[in-house]
Amino acid sequence: MAVPFLPGTHIPRAFSRLAERATSMETEAVFSYIQSTWLDSSIWAPEEWSVYRQTVRTNNDTEGWHRRLSLKAADHKCSFYVLVPLLRREAEYLPVQAQLVREGTGRVRLNVYVNLDEELGQLWEEYDQRELTTEDFLNQDRGDVCLLNRRLLMMMMMMMMMMMMMMMMMMMMMMMMMMMMMIMLGYINLSPHDDDYHVTLMIIMMNIIIIIIMMNML
């Protein structure tokens, strides 16, 4: 549902109109849950969870920060004496991060999200100028969200195909390197009982590791 994209004061009326269209017990149950949890709640009002005119509409930034902090801690159950220095370093970095956000350089965003924000900004402008009704706005916004989902799905499929191709290439490279190793060991006629066998094997393995690292860097 796209009602959070509306101003907070417009959400209850728009939601009531949508609820009137519920034609099954399942959809009625969904609308009843949203009504009791989000609209009639004594904890938060629609104005508090409305994302009208906001560029940050999810908690992805917070989740990313928490994931980065967990990686720095290297343990999800780190001790108090490890956590406090980490939080202190984060606090020392906060002024720099705030300055980057003010300058508009603190967030790295995909073009698909930038384009979506521009389209939403245009829709909000038309809605404020009463060029769009609430129903038209929600229908248009729903189309933009669906378009975003299709774009993300295509990007994910392309990334998965690229990862599969890279994995196949790595497997082929590994097979070729194993064959080369077997050929080299057979060519120089070394046996596991020879003194130079393990040294030669270590050199070959180091070369293989270097090739793999270079492939990953690409």
C-alpha atoms as a PDB file:
ATOM      1  CA  MET A   1       0.000   0.000   0.000  1.00  0.00           C
ATOM      2  CA  ALA A   2       1.301   3.437  -0.937  1.00  0.00           C
ATOM      3  CA  VAL A   3      -0.622   5.506   1.642  1.00  0.00           C
ATOM      4  CA  PRO A   4       2.584   6.342   3.611  1.00  0.00           C
ATOM      5  CA  PHE A   5       3.589   8.505   0.631  1.00  0.00           C
ATOM      6  CA  LEU A   6       0.666  10.833   1.430  1.00  0.00           C
ATOM      7  CA  PRO A   7       0.777  13.639   3.997  1.00  0.00           C
ATOM      8  CA  GLY A   8      -0.038  12.321   7.466  1.00  0.00           C
ATOM      9  CA  THR A   9      -3.295  14.271   7.696  1.00  0.00           C
ATOM     10  CA  HIS A  10      -4.537  12.783   4.404  1.00  0.00           C
ATOM     11  CA  ILE A  11      -3.804   9.150   5.277  1.00  0.00           C
ATOM     12  CA  PRO A  12      -6.909   8.265   7.400  1.00  0.00           C
ATOM     13  CA  ARG A  13      -9.369   9.444   4.740  1.00  0.00           C
ATOM     14  CA  ALA A  14      -7.475   7.730   1.916  1.00  0.00           C
ATOM     15  CA  PHE A  15      -7.235   4.515   3.938  1.00  0.00           C
ATOM     16  CA  SER A  16     -10.984   4.558   4.647  1.00  0.00           C
ATOM     17  CA  ARG A  17     -11.710   4.825   0.933  1.00  0.00           C
ATOM     18  CA  LEU A  18      -9.407   1.911   0.198  1.00  0.00           C
ATOM     19  CA  ALA A  19     -10.945  -0.175   2.997  1.00  0.00           C
ATOM     20  CA  GLU A  20     -14.380   0.219   1.422  1.00  0.00           C
ATOM     21  CA  ARG A  21     -13.106  -1.775  -1.560  1.00  0.00           C
ATOM     22  CA  ALA A  22     -12.232  -4.839   0.522  1.00  0.00           C
ATOM     23  CA  THR A  23     -14.221  -7.701  -0.998  1.00  0.00           C
ATOM     24  CA  SER A  24     -12.874 -10.762   0.831  1.00  0.00           C
ATOM     25  CA  MET A  25     -12.322 -11.867   4.401  1.00  0.00           C
ATOM     26  CA  GLU A  26      -8.560 -11.891   3.858  1.00  0.00           C
ATOM     27  CA  THR A  27      -8.367  -8.274   2.667  1.00  0.00           C
ATOM     28  CA  GLU A  28     -10.780  -7.179   5.390  1.00  0.00           C
ATOM     29  CA  ALA A  29      -8.509  -8.809   7.982  1.00  0.00           C
ATOM     30  CA  VAL A  30      -5.503  -6.954   6.547  1.00  0.00           C
ATOM     31  CA  PHE A  31      -7.306  -3.603   6.622  1.00  0.00           C
ATOM     32  CA  SER A  32      -8.539  -4.295  10.158  1.00  0.00           C
ATOM     33  CA  TYR A  33      -5.006  -5.030  11.331  1.00  0.00           C
ATOM     34  CA  ILE A  34      -3.609  -1.862   9.726  1.00  0.00           C
ATOM     35  CA  GLN A  35      -6.453   0.197  11.191  1.00  0.00           C
ATOM     36  CA  SER A  36      -5.894  -1.027  14.744  1.00  0.00           C
ATOM     37  CA  THR A  37      -2.077  -1.134  14.626  1.00  0.00           C
ATOM     38  CA  TRP A  38      -1.170   1.950  12.640  1.00  0.00           C
ATOM     39  CA  LEU A  39      -4.087   4.353  12.442  1.00  0.00           C
ATOM     40  CA  ASP A  40      -5.770   3.914  15.839  1.00  0.00           C
ATOM     41  CA  SER A  41      -2.508   3.351  17.711  1.00  0.00           C
ATOM     42  CA  SER A  42      -1.779   5.409  20.823  1.00  0.00           C
ATOM     43  CA  ILE A  43       1.973   4.963  20.233  1.00  0.00           C
ATOM     44  CA  TRP A  44       2.406   6.577  16.824  1.00  0.00           C
ATOM     45  CA  ALA A  45       0.203   8.740  14.633  1.00  0.00           C
ATOM     46  CA  PRO A  46       0.066   8.689  10.795  1.00  0.00           C
ATOM     47  CA  GLU A  47       2.096  11.902  10.753  1.00  0.00           C
ATOM     48  CA  GLU A  48       4.958   9.999  12.400  1.00  0.00           C
ATOM     49  CA  TRP A  49       5.176   7.144   9.896  1.00  0.00           C
ATOM     50  CA  SER A  50       4.312   9.128   6.794  1.00  0.00           C
ATOM     51  CA  VAL A  51       7.239   9.390   4.346  1.00  0.00           C
ATOM     52  CA  TYR A  52       5.786  12.386   2.543  1.00  0.00           C
ATOM     53  CA  ARG A  53       8.563  14.530   1.016  1.00  0.00           C
ATOM     54  CA  GLN A  54      11.254  12.345   2.622  1.00  0.00           C
ATOM     55  CA  THR A  55      14.213  10.829   0.790  1.00  0.00           C
ATOM     56  CA  VAL A  56      15.056   8.380   3.589  1.00  0.00           C
ATOM     57  CA  ARG A  57      12.020   6.101   3.834  1.00  0.00           C
ATOM     58  CA  THR A  58      13.486   2.896   5.272  1.00  0.00           C
ATOM     59  CA  ASN A  59      15.843   1.831   8.050  1.00  0.00           C
ATOM     60  CA  ASN A  60      18.373   0.416   5.572  1.00  0.00           C
ATOM     61  CA  ASP A  61      20.977   2.991   6.626  1.00  0.00           C
ATOM     62  CA  THR A  62      20.642   1.938  10.266  1.00  0.00           C
ATOM     63  CA  GLU A  63      20.833  -1.746   9.359  1.00  0.00           C
ATOM     64  CA  GLY A  64      23.946  -1.086   7.286  1.00  0.00           C
ATOM     65  CA  TRP A  65      25.610   0.774  10.152  1.00  0.00           C
ATOM     66  CA  HIS A  66      24.772  -2.056  12.562  1.00  0.00           C
ATOM     67  CA  ARG A  67      26.157  -4.671  10.149  1.00  0.00           C
ATOM     68  CA  ARG A  68      29.375  -2.686   9.721  1.00  0.00           C
ATOM     69  CA  LEU A  69      29.743  -2.337  13.494  1.00  0.00           C
ATOM     70  CA  SER A  70      29.210  -6.093  13.927  1.00  0.00           C
ATOM     71  CA  LEU A  71      31.938  -6.813  11.394  1.00  0.00           C
ATOM     72  CA  LYS A  72      34.313  -4.508  13.246  1.00  0.00           C
ATOM     73  CA  ALA A  73      33.510  -6.270  16.509  1.00  0.00           C
ATOM     74  CA  ALA A  74      34.173  -9.620  14.775  1.00  0.00           C
ATOM     75  CA  ASP A  75      31.798 -11.244  17.243  1.00  0.00           C
ATOM     76  CA  HIS A  76      28.076 -10.747  17.796  1.00  0.00           C
ATOM     77  CA  LYS A  77      28.639 -11.392  21.516  1.00  0.00           C
ATOM     78  CA  CYS A  78      31.606  -9.111  22.065  1.00  0.00           C
ATOM     79  CA  SER A  79      32.474  -8.029  25.569  1.00  0.00           C
ATOM     80  CA  PHE A  80      31.692  -4.649  27.103  1.00  0.00           C
ATOM     81  CA  TYR A  81      35.352  -3.628  26.938  1.00  0.00           C
ATOM     82  CA  VAL A  82      35.422  -4.285  23.176  1.00  0.00           C
ATOM     83  CA  LEU A  83      32.113  -2.586  22.442  1.00  0.00           C
ATOM     84  CA  VAL A  84      32.841   0.704  24.270  1.00  0.00           C
ATOM     85  CA  PRO A  85      35.981   1.604  22.234  1.00  0.00           C
ATOM     86  CA  LEU A  86      34.102   0.759  19.030  1.00  0.00           C
ATOM     87  CA  LEU A  87      31.232   3.069  19.957  1.00  0.00           C
ATOM     88  CA  ARG A  88      33.689   5.789  20.931  1.00  0.00           C
ATOM     89  CA  ARG A  89      35.398   5.627  17.525  1.00  0.00           C
ATOM     90  CA  GLU A  90      31.976   5.789  15.868  1.00  0.00           C
ATOM     91  CA  ALA A  91      31.113   8.868  17.943  1.00  0.00           C
ATOM     92  CA  GLU A  92      34.388  10.547  16.936  1.00  0.00           C
ATOM     93  CA  TYR A  93      33.535   9.951  13.267  1.00  0.00           C
ATOM     94  CA  LEU A  94      29.997  11.355  13.642  1.00  0.00           C
ATOM     95  CA  PRO A  95      30.835  15.064  12.930  1.00  0.00           C
ATOM     96  CA  VAL A  96      32.565  14.101   9.677  1.00  0.00           C
ATOM     97  CA  GLN A  97      29.657  11.887   8.678  1.00  0.00           C
ATOM     98  CA  ALA A  98      27.142  14.643   9.453  1.00  0.00           C
ATOM     99  CA  GLN A  99      29.132  17.070   7.309  1.00  0.00           C
ATOM    100  CA  LEU A 100      29.141  14.596   4.400  1.00  0.00           C
ATOM    101  CA  VAL A 101      25.382  14.183   4.679  1.00  0.00           C
ATOM    102  CA  ARG A 102      24.882  17.969   4.678  1.00  0.00           C
ATOM    103  CA  GLU A 103      26.996  18.221   1.541  1.00  0.00           C
ATOM    104  CA  GLY A 104      25.046  15.436  -0.108  1.00  0.00           C
ATOM    105  CA  THR A 105      28.045  13.109  -0.393  1.00  0.00           C
ATOM    106  CA  GLY A 106      27.443  10.873   2.608  1.00  0.00           C
ATOM    107  CA  ARG A 107      25.202   8.352   0.858  1.00  0.00           C
ATOM    108  CA  VAL A 108      26.000   6.221  -2.166  1.00  0.00           C
ATOM    109  CA  ARG A 109      22.786   5.424  -4.012  1.00  0.00           C
ATOM    110  CA  LEU A 110      21.918   3.484  -7.135  1.00  0.00           C
ATOM    111  CA  ASN A 111      20.623   5.443 -10.106  1.00  0.00           C
ATOM    112  CA  VAL A 112      17.322   3.584  -9.908  1.00  0.00           C
ATOM    113  CA  TYR A 113      16.654   5.087  -6.464  1.00  0.00           C
ATOM    114  CA  VAL A 114      17.750   8.552  -7.554  1.00  0.00           C
ATOM    115  CA  ASN A 115      15.370   8.398 -10.515  1.00  0.00           C
ATOM    116  CA  LEU A 116      12.571   7.157  -8.280  1.00  0.00           C
ATOM    117  CA  ASP A 117      13.053  10.091  -5.904  1.00  0.00           C
ATOM    118  CA  GLU A 118      12.885  12.501  -8.824  1.00  0.00           C
ATOM    119  CA  GLU A 119       9.650  10.921 -10.052  1.00  0.00           C
ATOM    120  CA  LEU A 120       8.153  10.969  -6.558  1.00  0.00           C
ATOM    121  CA  GLY A 121       9.174  14.600  -6.137  1.00  0.00           C
ATOM    122  CA  GLN A 122       7.329  15.481  -9.343  1.00  0.00           C
ATOM    123  CA  LEU A 123       4.250  13.571  -8.152  1.00  0.00           C
ATOM    124  CA  TRP A 124       4.315  15.302  -4.778  1.00  0.00           C
ATOM    125  CA  GLU A 125       4.572  18.666  -6.507  1.00  0.00           C
ATOM    126  CA  GLU A 126       1.557  17.894  -8.699  1.00  0.00           C
ATOM    127  CA  TYR A 127      -0.348  16.610  -5.664  1.00  0.00           C
ATOM    128  CA  ASP A 128       0.358  19.803  -3.700  1.00  0.00           C
ATOM    129  CA  GLN A 129      -0.794  21.897  -6.660  1.00  0.00           C
ATOM    130  CA  ARG A 130      -4.010  19.812  -6.751  1.00  0.00           C
ATOM    131  CA  GLU A 131      -3.196  18.615 -10.234  1.00  0.00           C
ATOM    132  CA  LEU A 132      -3.519  15.034  -8.967  1.00  0.00           C
ATOM    133  CA  THR A 133      -6.278  13.615  -6.797  1.00  0.00           C
ATOM    134  CA  THR A 134      -5.424  11.264  -3.963  1.00  0.00           C
ATOM    135  CA  GLU A 135      -6.592   8.271  -5.965  1.00  0.00           C
ATOM    136  CA  ASP A 136      -4.580   9.309  -9.030  1.00  0.00           C
ATOM    137  CA  PHE A 137      -1.520   9.877  -6.865  1.00  0.00           C
ATOM    138  CA  LEU A 138      -1.750   6.432  -5.263  1.00  0.00           C
ATOM    139  CA  ASN A 139      -2.285   4.728  -8.620  1.00  0.00           C
ATOM    140  CA  GLN A 140       0.662   6.565 -10.160  1.00  0.00           C
ATOM    141  CA  ASP A 141       2.867   5.890  -7.152  1.00  0.00           C
ATOM    142  CA  ARG A 142       1.920   2.239  -7.196  1.00  0.00           C
ATOM    143  CA  GLY A 143       3.004   2.083 -10.816  1.00  0.00           C
ATOM    144  CA  ASP A 144       6.362   3.640  -9.938  1.00  0.00           C
ATOM    145  CA  VAL A 145       6.871   1.160  -7.114  1.00  0.00           C
ATOM    146  CA  CYS A 146       6.062  -1.728  -9.450  1.00  0.00           C
ATOM    147  CA  LEU A 147       8.487  -0.294 -12.000  1.00  0.00           C
ATOM    148  CA  LEU A 148      11.154  -0.107  -9.292  1.00  0.00           C
ATOM    149  CA  ASN A 149      10.508  -3.733  -8.331  1.00  0.00           C
ATOM    150  CA  ARG A 150      10.842  -4.817 -11.965  1.00  0.00           C
ATOM    151  CA  ARG A 151      14.105  -2.917 -12.328  1.00  0.00           C
ATOM    152  CA  LEU A 152      15.506  -4.412  -9.133  1.00  0.00           C
ATOM    153  CA  LEU A 153      14.440  -7.901 -10.236  1.00  0.00           C
ATOM    154  CA  MET A 154      16.213  -7.472 -13.559  1.00  0.00           C
ATOM    155  CA  MET A 155      19.336  -6.207 -11.796  1.00  0.00           C
ATOM    156  CA  MET A 156      19.303  -9.174  -9.420  1.00  0.00           C
ATOM    157  CA  MET A 157      18.894 -11.628 -12.299  1.00  0.00           C
ATOM    158  CA  MET A 158      21.785 -10.029 -14.185  1.00  0.00           C
ATOM    159  CA  MET A 159      23.976 -10.139 -11.076  1.00  0.00           C
ATOM    160  CA  MET A 160      23.115 -13.805 -10.490  1.00  0.00           C
ATOM    161  CA  MET A 161      23.969 -14.641 -14.113  1.00  0.00           C
ATOM    162  CA  MET A 162      27.282 -12.802 -13.826  1.00  0.00           C
ATOM    163  CA  MET A 163      28.091 -14.608 -10.570  1.00  0.00           C
ATOM    164  CA  MET A 164      27.282 -17.979 -12.168  1.00  0.00           C
ATOM    165  CA  MET A 165      29.511 -17.180 -15.144  1.00  0.00           C
ATOM    166  CA  MET A 166      32.333 -16.117 -12.816  1.00  0.00           C
ATOM    167  CA  MET A 167      31.960 -19.308 -10.788  1.00  0.00           C
ATOM    168  CA  MET A 168      32.086 -21.413 -13.955  1.00  0.00           C
ATOM    169  CA  MET A 169      35.195 -19.555 -15.098  1.00  0.00           C
ATOM    170  CA  MET A 170      36.839 -20.076 -11.712  1.00  0.00           C
ATOM    171  CA  MET A 171      36.013 -23.786 -11.790  1.00  0.00           C
ATOM    172  CA  MET A 172      37.502 -24.074 -15.259  1.00  0.00           C
ATOM    173  CA  MET A 173      40.594 -22.196 -14.119  1.00  0.00           C
ATOM    174  CA  MET A 174      40.933 -24.481 -11.101  1.00  0.00           C
ATOM    175  CA  MET A 175      40.651 -27.561 -13.291  1.00  0.00           C
ATOM    176  CA  MET A 176      43.259 -26.172 -15.671  1.00  0.00           C
ATOM    177  CA  MET A 177      45.606 -25.345 -12.801  1.00  0.00           C
ATOM    178  CA  MET A 178      45.172 -28.805 -11.311  1.00  0.00           C
ATOM    179  CA  MET A 179      46.004 -30.314 -14.674  1.00  0.00           C
ATOM    180  CA  MET A 180      49.046 -28.055 -14.955  1.00  0.00           C
ATOM    181  CA  MET A 181      50.152 -29.061 -11.462  1.00  0.00           C
ATOM    182  CA  MET A 182      49.799 -32.743 -12.271  1.00  0.00           C
ATOM    183  CA  ILE A 183      51.689 -32.252 -15.543  1.00  0.00           C
ATOM    184  CA  MET A 184      54.461 -30.295 -13.828  1.00  0.00           C
ATOM    185  CA  LEU A 185      54.872 -32.849 -11.066  1.00  0.00           C
ATOM    186  CA  GLY A 186      54.896 -35.625 -13.613  1.00  0.00           C
ATOM    187  CA  TYR A 187      57.296 -33.741 -15.881  1.00  0.00           C
ATOM    188  CA  ILE A 188      59.933 -33.109 -13.266  1.00  0.00           C
ATOM    189  CA  ASN A 189      59.563 -36.708 -11.994  1.00  0.00           C
ATOM    190  CA  LEU A 190      59.202 -35.844  -8.323  1.00  0.00           C
ATOM    191  CA  SER A 191      57.739 -38.253  -5.831  1.00  0.00           C
ATOM    192  CA  PRO A 192      56.394 -37.494  -2.335  1.00  0.00           C
ATOM    193  CA  HIS A 193      59.554 -39.055  -0.927  1.00  0.00           C
ATOM    194  CA  ASP A 194      61.875 -36.547  -2.627  1.00  0.00           C
ATOM    195  CA  ASP A 195      63.226 -33.587  -0.654  1.00  0.00           C
ATOM    196  CA  ASP A 196      62.194 -31.011  -3.284  1.00  0.00           C
ATOM    197  CA  TYR A 197      58.674 -32.374  -3.678  1.00  0.00           C
ATOM    198  CA  HIS A 198      57.004 -30.318  -0.948  1.00  0.00           C
ATOM    199  CA  VAL A 199      58.895 -27.137  -1.876  1.00  0.00           C
ATOM    200  CA  THR A 200      57.782 -27.432  -5.495  1.00  0.00           C
ATOM    201  CA  LEU A 201      54.234 -28.204  -4.449  1.00  0.00           C
ATOM    202  CA  MET A 202      54.183 -25.145  -2.171  1.00  0.00           C
ATOM    203  CA  ILE A 203      55.428 -22.884  -4.969  1.00  0.00           C
ATOM    204  CA  ILE A 204      52.713 -24.163  -7.315  1.00  0.00           C
ATOM    205  CA  MET A 205      50.016 -23.677  -4.678  1.00  0.00           C
ATOM    206  CA  MET A 206      51.215 -20.134  -3.976  1.00  0.00           C
ATOM    207  CA  ASN A 207      50.964 -19.337  -7.681  1.00  0.00           C
ATOM    208  CA  ILE A 208      47.435 -20.734  -7.738  1.00  0.00           C
ATOM    209  CA  ILE A 209      46.439 -18.607  -4.729  1.00  0.00           C
ATOM    210  CA  ILE A 210      47.892 -15.489  -6.367  1.00  0.00           C
ATOM    211  CA  ILE A 211      45.900 -16.178  -9.560  1.00  0.00           C
ATOM    212  CA  ILE A 212      42.694 -16.645  -7.556  1.00  0.00           C
ATOM    213  CA  ILE A 213      43.277 -13.393  -5.644  1.00  0.00           C
ATOM    214  CA  MET A 214      43.873 -11.521  -8.890  1.00  0.00           C
ATOM    215  CA  MET A 215      40.671 -12.965 -10.345  1.00  0.00           C
ATOM    216  CA  ASN A 216      38.692 -11.829  -7.309  1.00  0.00           C
ATOM    217  CA  MET A 217      40.167  -8.348  -7.576  1.00  0.00           C
ATOM    218  CA  LEU A 218      38.903  -8.159 -11.147  1.00  0.00           C
END
